[in-house]
Full PDB file with SEQRES, HELIX, SHEET, SSBOND, CRYST1, ORIGX, SCALE, CONECT and MASTER records, all heavy atoms in Angstrom:
SEQRES   1 A   32  ILE GLY GLN ALA GLY GLY ARG SER GLU ILE SER ILE GLU          
SEQRES   2 A   32  ARG ILE ALA ILE ASN ILE ASP ASP ALA ARG ILE LYS ASP          
SEQRES   3 A   32  ASN ALA GLY LYS GLN PRO                                      
CRYST1    1.000    1.000    1.000  90.00  90.00  90.00 P 1           1          
ORIGX1      1.000000  0.000000  0.000000        0.00000                         
ORIGX2      0.000000  1.000000  0.000000        0.00000                         
ORIGX3      0.000000  0.000000  1.000000        0.00000                         
SCALE1      1.000000  0.000000  0.000000        0.00000                         
SCALE2      0.000000  1.000000  0.000000        0.00000                         
SCALE3      0.000000  0.000000  1.000000        0.00000                         
ATOM      1  N   ILE A   1      20.124-111.030  50.892  1.00  0.00           N  
ATOM      2  CA  ILE A   1      21.031-111.835  50.077  1.00  0.00           C  
ATOM      3  C   ILE A   1      21.200-113.205  50.726  1.00  0.00           C  
ATOM      4  O   ILE A   1      21.321-113.308  51.954  1.00  0.00           O  
ATOM      5  CB  ILE A   1      22.412-111.163  49.942  1.00  0.00           C  
ATOM      6  CG1 ILE A   1      22.277-109.677  49.602  1.00  0.00           C  
ATOM      7  CG2 ILE A   1      23.262-111.901  48.910  1.00  0.00           C  
ATOM      8  CD1 ILE A   1      21.581-109.383  48.308  1.00  0.00           C  
ATOM      9  N   GLY A   2      21.219-114.247  49.904  1.00  0.00           N  
ATOM     10  CA  GLY A   2      21.399-115.599  50.424  1.00  0.00           C  
ATOM     11  C   GLY A   2      22.271-116.443  49.521  1.00  0.00           C  
ATOM     12  O   GLY A   2      22.477-116.128  48.344  1.00  0.00           O  
ATOM     13  N   GLN A   3      22.796-117.519  50.079  1.00  0.00           N  
ATOM     14  CA  GLN A   3      23.636-118.474  49.349  1.00  0.00           C  
ATOM     15  C   GLN A   3      22.776-119.476  48.599  1.00  0.00           C  
ATOM     16  O   GLN A   3      21.828-120.029  49.150  1.00  0.00           O  
ATOM     17  CB  GLN A   3      24.530-119.208  50.341  1.00  0.00           C  
ATOM     18  CG  GLN A   3      25.240-120.439  49.778  1.00  0.00           C  
ATOM     19  CD  GLN A   3      25.884-121.275  50.871  1.00  0.00           C  
ATOM     20  OE1 GLN A   3      26.785-120.807  51.549  1.00  0.00           O  
ATOM     21  NE2 GLN A   3      25.416-122.501  51.045  1.00  0.00           N  
ATOM     22  N   ALA A   4      23.130-119.719  47.335  1.00  0.00           N  
ATOM     23  CA  ALA A   4      22.475-120.772  46.555  1.00  0.00           C  
ATOM     24  C   ALA A   4      23.564-121.621  45.918  1.00  0.00           C  
ATOM     25  O   ALA A   4      23.945-121.409  44.763  1.00  0.00           O  
ATOM     26  CB  ALA A   4      21.545-120.187  45.505  1.00  0.00           C  
ATOM     27  N   GLY A   5      24.101-122.549  46.692  1.00  0.00           N  
ATOM     28  CA  GLY A   5      25.136-123.432  46.181  1.00  0.00           C  
ATOM     29  C   GLY A   5      24.630-124.227  44.992  1.00  0.00           C  
ATOM     30  O   GLY A   5      23.557-124.814  45.047  1.00  0.00           O  
ATOM     31  N   GLY A   6      25.388-124.217  43.906  1.00  0.00           N  
ATOM     32  CA  GLY A   6      24.986-124.899  42.682  1.00  0.00           C  
ATOM     33  C   GLY A   6      24.575-123.938  41.583  1.00  0.00           C  
ATOM     34  O   GLY A   6      24.630-124.285  40.409  1.00  0.00           O  
ATOM     35  N   ARG A   7      24.143-122.736  41.956  1.00  0.00           N  
ATOM     36  CA  ARG A   7      23.828-121.729  40.936  1.00  0.00           C  
ATOM     37  C   ARG A   7      25.122-121.053  40.491  1.00  0.00           C  
ATOM     38  O   ARG A   7      26.050-120.892  41.287  1.00  0.00           O  
ATOM     39  CB  ARG A   7      22.841-120.692  41.463  1.00  0.00           C  
ATOM     40  CG  ARG A   7      21.479-121.281  41.804  1.00  0.00           C  
ATOM     41  CD  ARG A   7      20.447-120.188  42.030  1.00  0.00           C  
ATOM     42  NE  ARG A   7      19.203-120.732  42.588  1.00  0.00           N  
ATOM     43  CZ  ARG A   7      18.115-120.011  42.807  1.00  0.00           C  
ATOM     44  NH1 ARG A   7      18.118-118.705  42.519  1.00  0.00           N  
ATOM     45  NH2 ARG A   7      17.022-120.560  43.312  1.00  0.00           N  
ATOM     46  N   SER A   8      25.142-120.645  39.222  1.00  0.00           N  
ATOM     47  CA  SER A   8      26.376-120.107  38.653  1.00  0.00           C  
ATOM     48  C   SER A   8      26.357-118.609  38.467  1.00  0.00           C  
ATOM     49  O   SER A   8      27.383-118.028  38.097  1.00  0.00           O  
ATOM     50  CB  SER A   8      26.645-120.770  37.290  1.00  0.00           C  
ATOM     51  OG  SER A   8      25.558-120.530  36.400  1.00  0.00           O  
ATOM     52  N   GLU A   9      25.192-117.958  38.699  1.00  0.00           N  
ATOM     53  CA  GLU A   9      25.100-116.535  38.458  1.00  0.00           C  
ATOM     54  C   GLU A   9      24.379-115.840  39.603  1.00  0.00           C  
ATOM     55  O   GLU A   9      23.823-116.483  40.485  1.00  0.00           O  
ATOM     56  CB  GLU A   9      24.362-116.261  37.144  1.00  0.00           C  
ATOM     57  CG  GLU A   9      22.873-116.581  37.163  1.00  0.00           C  
ATOM     58  CD  GLU A   9      22.566-118.019  36.805  1.00  0.00           C  
ATOM     59  OE1 GLU A   9      22.939-118.442  35.700  1.00  0.00           O  
ATOM     60  OE2 GLU A   9      21.945-118.724  37.609  1.00  0.00           O  
ATOM     61  N   ILE A  10      24.382-114.514  39.569  1.00  0.00           N  
ATOM     62  CA  ILE A  10      23.563-113.737  40.487  1.00  0.00           C  
ATOM     63  C   ILE A  10      22.109-113.991  40.117  1.00  0.00           C  
ATOM     64  O   ILE A  10      21.710-113.792  38.978  1.00  0.00           O  
ATOM     65  CB  ILE A  10      23.888-112.230  40.362  1.00  0.00           C  
ATOM     66  CG1 ILE A  10      25.354-111.947  40.681  1.00  0.00           C  
ATOM     67  CG2 ILE A  10      22.947-111.413  41.251  1.00  0.00           C  
ATOM     68  CD1 ILE A  10      25.748-112.182  42.121  1.00  0.00           C  
ATOM     69  N   SER A  11      21.314-114.437  41.092  1.00  0.00           N  
ATOM     70  CA  SER A  11      19.914-114.786  40.832  1.00  0.00           C  
ATOM     71  C   SER A  11      19.004-113.779  41.527  1.00  0.00           C  
ATOM     72  O   SER A  11      18.880-113.786  42.756  1.00  0.00           O  
ATOM     73  CB  SER A  11      19.604-116.193  41.358  1.00  0.00           C  
ATOM     74  OG  SER A  11      20.368-117.167  40.680  1.00  0.00           O  
ATOM     75  N   ILE A  12      18.358-112.929  40.729  1.00  0.00           N  
ATOM     76  CA  ILE A  12      17.421-111.953  41.271  1.00  0.00           C  
ATOM     77  C   ILE A  12      16.064-112.632  41.373  1.00  0.00           C  
ATOM     78  O   ILE A  12      15.478-113.034  40.367  1.00  0.00           O  
ATOM     79  CB  ILE A  12      17.329-110.716  40.365  1.00  0.00           C  
ATOM     80  CG1 ILE A  12      18.722-110.122  40.126  1.00  0.00           C  
ATOM     81  CG2 ILE A  12      16.403-109.671  40.980  1.00  0.00           C  
ATOM     82  CD1 ILE A  12      18.763-109.097  39.012  1.00  0.00           C  
ATOM     83  N   GLU A  13      15.576-112.787  42.589  1.00  0.00           N  
ATOM     84  CA  GLU A  13      14.346-113.552  42.793  1.00  0.00           C  
ATOM     85  C   GLU A  13      13.105-112.719  42.438  1.00  0.00           C  
ATOM     86  O   GLU A  13      12.960-111.583  42.860  1.00  0.00           O  
ATOM     87  CB  GLU A  13      14.258-114.034  44.236  1.00  0.00           C  
ATOM     88  CG  GLU A  13      15.377-114.967  44.659  1.00  0.00           C  
ATOM     89  CD  GLU A  13      15.414-116.277  43.885  1.00  0.00           C  
ATOM     90  OE1 GLU A  13      14.398-116.612  43.223  1.00  0.00           O  
ATOM     91  OE2 GLU A  13      16.454-116.963  43.946  1.00  0.00           O  
ATOM     92  N   ARG A  14      12.225-113.341  41.669  1.00  0.00           N  
ATOM     93  CA  ARG A  14      11.007-112.673  41.241  1.00  0.00           C  
ATOM     94  C   ARG A  14       9.860-112.830  42.241  1.00  0.00           C  
ATOM     95  O   ARG A  14       9.054-111.913  42.435  1.00  0.00           O  
ATOM     96  CB  ARG A  14      10.544-113.238  39.896  1.00  0.00           C  
ATOM     97  CG  ARG A  14       9.391-112.474  39.265  1.00  0.00           C  
ATOM     98  CD  ARG A  14       8.699-113.289  38.166  1.00  0.00           C  
ATOM     99  NE  ARG A  14       9.606-113.693  37.103  1.00  0.00           N  
ATOM    100  CZ  ARG A  14       9.703-113.086  35.916  1.00  0.00           C  
ATOM    101  NH1 ARG A  14       8.976-112.018  35.669  1.00  0.00           N  
ATOM    102  NH2 ARG A  14      10.523-113.543  34.993  1.00  0.00           N  
ATOM    103  N   ILE A  15       9.787-114.015  42.907  1.00  0.00           N  
ATOM    104  CA  ILE A  15       8.587-114.345  43.667  1.00  0.00           C  
ATOM    105  C   ILE A  15       8.922-115.124  44.936  1.00  0.00           C  
ATOM    106  O   ILE A  15       9.877-115.910  44.965  1.00  0.00           O  
ATOM    107  CB  ILE A  15       7.612-115.159  42.776  1.00  0.00           C  
ATOM    108  CG1 ILE A  15       6.254-115.324  43.435  1.00  0.00           C  
ATOM    109  CG2 ILE A  15       8.229-116.487  42.374  1.00  0.00           C  
ATOM    110  CD1 ILE A  15       5.188-115.865  42.497  1.00  0.00           C  
ATOM    111  N   ALA A  16       8.155-114.894  45.978  1.00  0.00           N  
ATOM    112  CA  ALA A  16       8.254-115.664  47.228  1.00  0.00           C  
ATOM    113  C   ALA A  16       6.911-116.336  47.469  1.00  0.00           C  
ATOM    114  O   ALA A  16       5.859-115.721  47.256  1.00  0.00           O  
ATOM    115  CB  ALA A  16       8.599-114.748  48.397  1.00  0.00           C  
ATOM    116  N   ILE A  17       6.931-117.575  47.909  1.00  0.00           N  
ATOM    117  CA  ILE A  17       5.686-118.310  48.137  1.00  0.00           C  
ATOM    118  C   ILE A  17       5.479-118.563  49.625  1.00  0.00           C  
ATOM    119  O   ILE A  17       6.439-118.644  50.395  1.00  0.00           O  
ATOM    120  CB  ILE A  17       5.655-119.643  47.362  1.00  0.00           C  
ATOM    121  CG1 ILE A  17       6.832-120.549  47.756  1.00  0.00           C  
ATOM    122  CG2 ILE A  17       5.679-119.370  45.859  1.00  0.00           C  
ATOM    123  CD1 ILE A  17       6.768-121.933  47.110  1.00  0.00           C  
ATOM    124  N   ASN A  18       4.225-118.702  49.995  1.00  0.00           N  
ATOM    125  CA  ASN A  18       3.855-118.808  51.415  1.00  0.00           C  
ATOM    126  C   ASN A  18       3.933-120.253  51.900  1.00  0.00           C  
ATOM    127  O   ASN A  18       2.929-120.859  52.272  1.00  0.00           O  
ATOM    128  CB  ASN A  18       2.440-118.246  51.618  1.00  0.00           C  
ATOM    129  CG  ASN A  18       2.104-118.052  53.092  1.00  0.00           C  
ATOM    130  OD1 ASN A  18       2.972-118.120  53.952  1.00  0.00           O  
ATOM    131  ND2 ASN A  18       0.835-117.805  53.386  1.00  0.00           N  
ATOM    132  N   ILE A  19       5.146-120.778  51.901  1.00  0.00           N  
ATOM    133  CA  ILE A  19       5.331-122.161  52.365  1.00  0.00           C  
ATOM    134  C   ILE A  19       6.745-122.347  52.907  1.00  0.00           C  
ATOM    135  O   ILE A  19       7.715-121.844  52.338  1.00  0.00           O  
ATOM    136  CB  ILE A  19       5.069-123.189  51.234  1.00  0.00           C  
ATOM    137  CG1 ILE A  19       4.879-124.603  51.802  1.00  0.00           C  
ATOM    138  CG2 ILE A  19       6.136-123.151  50.178  1.00  0.00           C  
ATOM    139  CD1 ILE A  19       3.575-124.804  52.500  1.00  0.00           C  
ATOM    140  N   ASP A  20       6.835-123.017  54.035  1.00  0.00           N  
ATOM    141  CA  ASP A  20       8.098-123.510  54.571  1.00  0.00           C  
ATOM    142  C   ASP A  20       8.094-125.024  54.400  1.00  0.00           C  
ATOM    143  O   ASP A  20       7.192-125.708  54.894  1.00  0.00           O  
ATOM    144  CB  ASP A  20       8.238-123.191  56.071  1.00  0.00           C  
ATOM    145  CG  ASP A  20       8.407-121.706  56.343  1.00  0.00           C  
ATOM    146  OD1 ASP A  20       8.927-120.997  55.475  1.00  0.00           O  
ATOM    147  OD2 ASP A  20       8.013-121.270  57.443  1.00  0.00           O  
ATOM    148  N   ASP A  21       9.085-125.547  53.688  1.00  0.00           N  
ATOM    149  CA  ASP A  21       9.191-126.994  53.482  1.00  0.00           C  
ATOM    150  C   ASP A  21      10.673-127.326  53.463  1.00  0.00           C  
ATOM    151  O   ASP A  21      11.314-127.348  52.414  1.00  0.00           O  
ATOM    152  CB  ASP A  21       8.507-127.399  52.171  1.00  0.00           C  
ATOM    153  CG  ASP A  21       8.322-128.901  52.046  1.00  0.00           C  
ATOM    154  OD1 ASP A  21       8.582-129.624  53.032  1.00  0.00           O  
ATOM    155  OD2 ASP A  21       7.901-129.364  50.967  1.00  0.00           O  
ATOM    156  N   ALA A  22      11.229-127.538  54.640  1.00  0.00           N  
ATOM    157  CA  ALA A  22      12.675-127.604  54.818  1.00  0.00           C  
ATOM    158  C   ALA A  22      13.234-128.994  54.547  1.00  0.00           C  
ATOM    159  O   ALA A  22      12.857-129.962  55.212  1.00  0.00           O  
ATOM    160  CB  ALA A  22      13.041-127.157  56.226  1.00  0.00           C  
ATOM    161  N   ARG A  23      14.169-129.075  53.595  1.00  0.00           N  
ATOM    162  CA  ARG A  23      14.842-130.341  53.305  1.00  0.00           C  
ATOM    163  C   ARG A  23      15.790-130.715  54.431  1.00  0.00           C  
ATOM    164  O   ARG A  23      16.005-131.900  54.716  1.00  0.00           O  
ATOM    165  CB  ARG A  23      15.588-130.222  51.979  1.00  0.00           C  
ATOM    166  CG  ARG A  23      16.341-131.486  51.561  1.00  0.00           C  
ATOM    167  CD  ARG A  23      17.039-131.283  50.232  1.00  0.00           C  
ATOM    168  NE  ARG A  23      17.978-130.173  50.268  1.00  0.00           N  
ATOM    169  CZ  ARG A  23      19.217-130.253  50.725  1.00  0.00           C  
ATOM    170  NH1 ARG A  23      19.683-131.398  51.227  1.00  0.00           N  
ATOM    171  NH2 ARG A  23      20.019-129.199  50.698  1.00  0.00           N  
ATOM    172  N   ILE A  24      16.391-129.691  55.074  1.00  0.00           N  
ATOM    173  CA  ILE A  24      17.292-129.919  56.201  1.00  0.00           C  
ATOM    174  C   ILE A  24      16.852-129.026  57.368  1.00  0.00           C  
ATOM    175  O   ILE A  24      16.092-128.074  57.186  1.00  0.00           O  
ATOM    176  CB  ILE A  24      18.760-129.589  55.836  1.00  0.00           C  
ATOM    177  CG1 ILE A  24      18.891-128.116  55.393  1.00  0.00           C  
ATOM    178  CG2 ILE A  24      19.268-130.538  54.765  1.00  0.00           C  
ATOM    179  CD1 ILE A  24      20.315-127.666  55.135  1.00  0.00           C  
ATOM    180  N   LYS A  25      17.323-129.333  58.544  1.00  0.00           N  
ATOM    181  CA  LYS A  25      17.011-128.514  59.716  1.00  0.00           C  
ATOM    182  C   LYS A  25      17.717-127.176  59.622  1.00  0.00           C  
ATOM    183  O   LYS A  25      18.800-127.065  59.035  1.00  0.00           O  
ATOM    184  CB  LYS A  25      17.440-129.244  60.996  1.00  0.00           C  
ATOM    185  CG  LYS A  25      16.637-130.501  61.296  1.00  0.00           C  
ATOM    186  CD  LYS A  25      17.115-131.167  62.574  1.00  0.00           C  
ATOM    187  CE  LYS A  25      16.295-132.420  62.885  1.00  0.00           C  
ATOM    188  NZ  LYS A  25      16.767-133.098  64.124  1.00  0.00           N  
ATOM    189  N   ASP A  26      17.097-126.151  60.212  1.00  0.00           N  
ATOM    190  CA  ASP A  26      17.771-124.861  60.287  1.00  0.00           C  
ATOM    191  C   ASP A  26      18.773-124.883  61.431  1.00  0.00           C  
ATOM    192  O   ASP A  26      18.975-125.919  62.091  1.00  0.00           O  
ATOM    193  CB  ASP A  26      16.758-123.713  60.402  1.00  0.00           C  
ATOM    194  CG  ASP A  26      16.031-123.678  61.758  1.00  0.00           C  
ATOM    195  OD1 ASP A  26      16.375-124.456  62.675  1.00  0.00           O  
ATOM    196  OD2 ASP A  26      15.098-122.866  61.895  1.00  0.00           O  
ATOM    197  N   ASN A  27      19.422-123.766  61.689  1.00  0.00           N  
ATOM    198  CA  ASN A  27      20.473-123.737  62.715  1.00  0.00           C  
ATOM    199  C   ASN A  27      19.940-123.846  64.132  1.00  0.00           C  
ATOM    200  O   ASN A  27      20.714-123.985  65.080  1.00  0.00           O  
ATOM    201  CB  ASN A  27      21.309-122.461  62.578  1.00  0.00           C  
ATOM    202  CG  ASN A  27      22.233-122.510  61.371  1.00  0.00           C  
ATOM    203  OD1 ASN A  27      22.339-123.525  60.691  1.00  0.00           O  
ATOM    204  ND2 ASN A  27      22.906-121.406  61.098  1.00  0.00           N  
ATOM    205  N   ALA A  28      18.612-123.787  64.284  1.00  0.00           N  
ATOM    206  CA  ALA A  28      18.002-123.979  65.603  1.00  0.00           C  
ATOM    207  C   ALA A  28      17.396-125.377  65.718  1.00  0.00           C  
ATOM    208  O   ALA A  28      16.731-125.680  66.713  1.00  0.00           O  
ATOM    209  CB  ALA A  28      16.920-122.922  65.838  1.00  0.00           C  
ATOM    210  N   GLY A  29      17.623-126.199  64.706  1.00  0.00           N  
ATOM    211  CA  GLY A  29      17.113-127.567  64.740  1.00  0.00           C  
ATOM    212  C   GLY A  29      15.674-127.719  64.282  1.00  0.00           C  
ATOM    213  O   GLY A  29      15.096-128.800  64.413  1.00  0.00           O  
ATOM    214  N   LYS A  30      15.096-126.668  63.715  1.00  0.00           N  
ATOM    215  CA  LYS A  30      13.709-126.735  63.257  1.00  0.00           C  
ATOM    216  C   LYS A  30      13.647-127.161  61.794  1.00  0.00           C  
ATOM    217  O   LYS A  30      14.489-126.760  60.987  1.00  0.00           O  
ATOM    218  CB  LYS A  30      13.023-125.381  63.440  1.00  0.00           C  
ATOM    219  CG  LYS A  30      12.894-124.951  64.890  1.00  0.00           C  
ATOM    220  CD  LYS A  30      12.206-123.599  65.012  1.00  0.00           C  
ATOM    221  CE  LYS A  30      12.075-123.168  66.469  1.00  0.00           C  
ATOM    222  NZ  LYS A  30      11.447-121.823  66.605  1.00  0.00           N  
ATOM    223  N   GLN A  31      12.624-127.940  61.469  1.00  0.00           N  
ATOM    224  CA  GLN A  31      12.448-128.419  60.103  1.00  0.00           C  
ATOM    225  C   GLN A  31      10.961-128.423  59.748  1.00  0.00           C  
ATOM    226  O   GLN A  31      10.330-129.477  59.664  1.00  0.00           O  
ATOM    227  CB  GLN A  31      13.050-129.818  59.934  1.00  0.00           C  
ATOM    228  CG  GLN A  31      13.095-130.285  58.477  1.00  0.00           C  
ATOM    229  CD  GLN A  31      13.793-131.631  58.339  1.00  0.00           C  
ATOM    230  OE1 GLN A  31      14.112-132.292  59.329  1.00  0.00           O  
ATOM    231  NE2 GLN A  31      14.038-132.030  57.095  1.00  0.00           N  
ATOM    232  N   PRO A  32      10.373-127.239  59.529  1.00  0.00           N  
ATOM    233  CA  PRO A  32       8.954-127.180  59.180  1.00  0.00           C  
ATOM    234  C   PRO A  32       8.687-127.837  57.827  1.00  0.00           C  
ATOM    235  O   PRO A  32       9.493-127.724  56.904  1.00  0.00           O  
ATOM    236  CB  PRO A  32       8.664-125.681  59.134  1.00  0.00           C  
ATOM    237  CG  PRO A  32       9.987-125.048  58.860  1.00  0.00           C  
ATOM    238  CD  PRO A  32      10.998-125.906  59.554  1.00  0.00           C  
TER     239      PRO A  32                                                      
MASTER        0    0    0    0    0    0    0    6  238    1    0    3          
END                                                                             
C-alpha cells in the first residue's frame, strides 16, 4: 500500500514498469 496524494479513490494498480525515474529524492537522498 502506498500514498498517492491528489487521487480521490482507492487505486488498485494493474501494472508495474521496469523503470525508476524519481521526480524527488527518496529518504536516503537517492534520485535514480
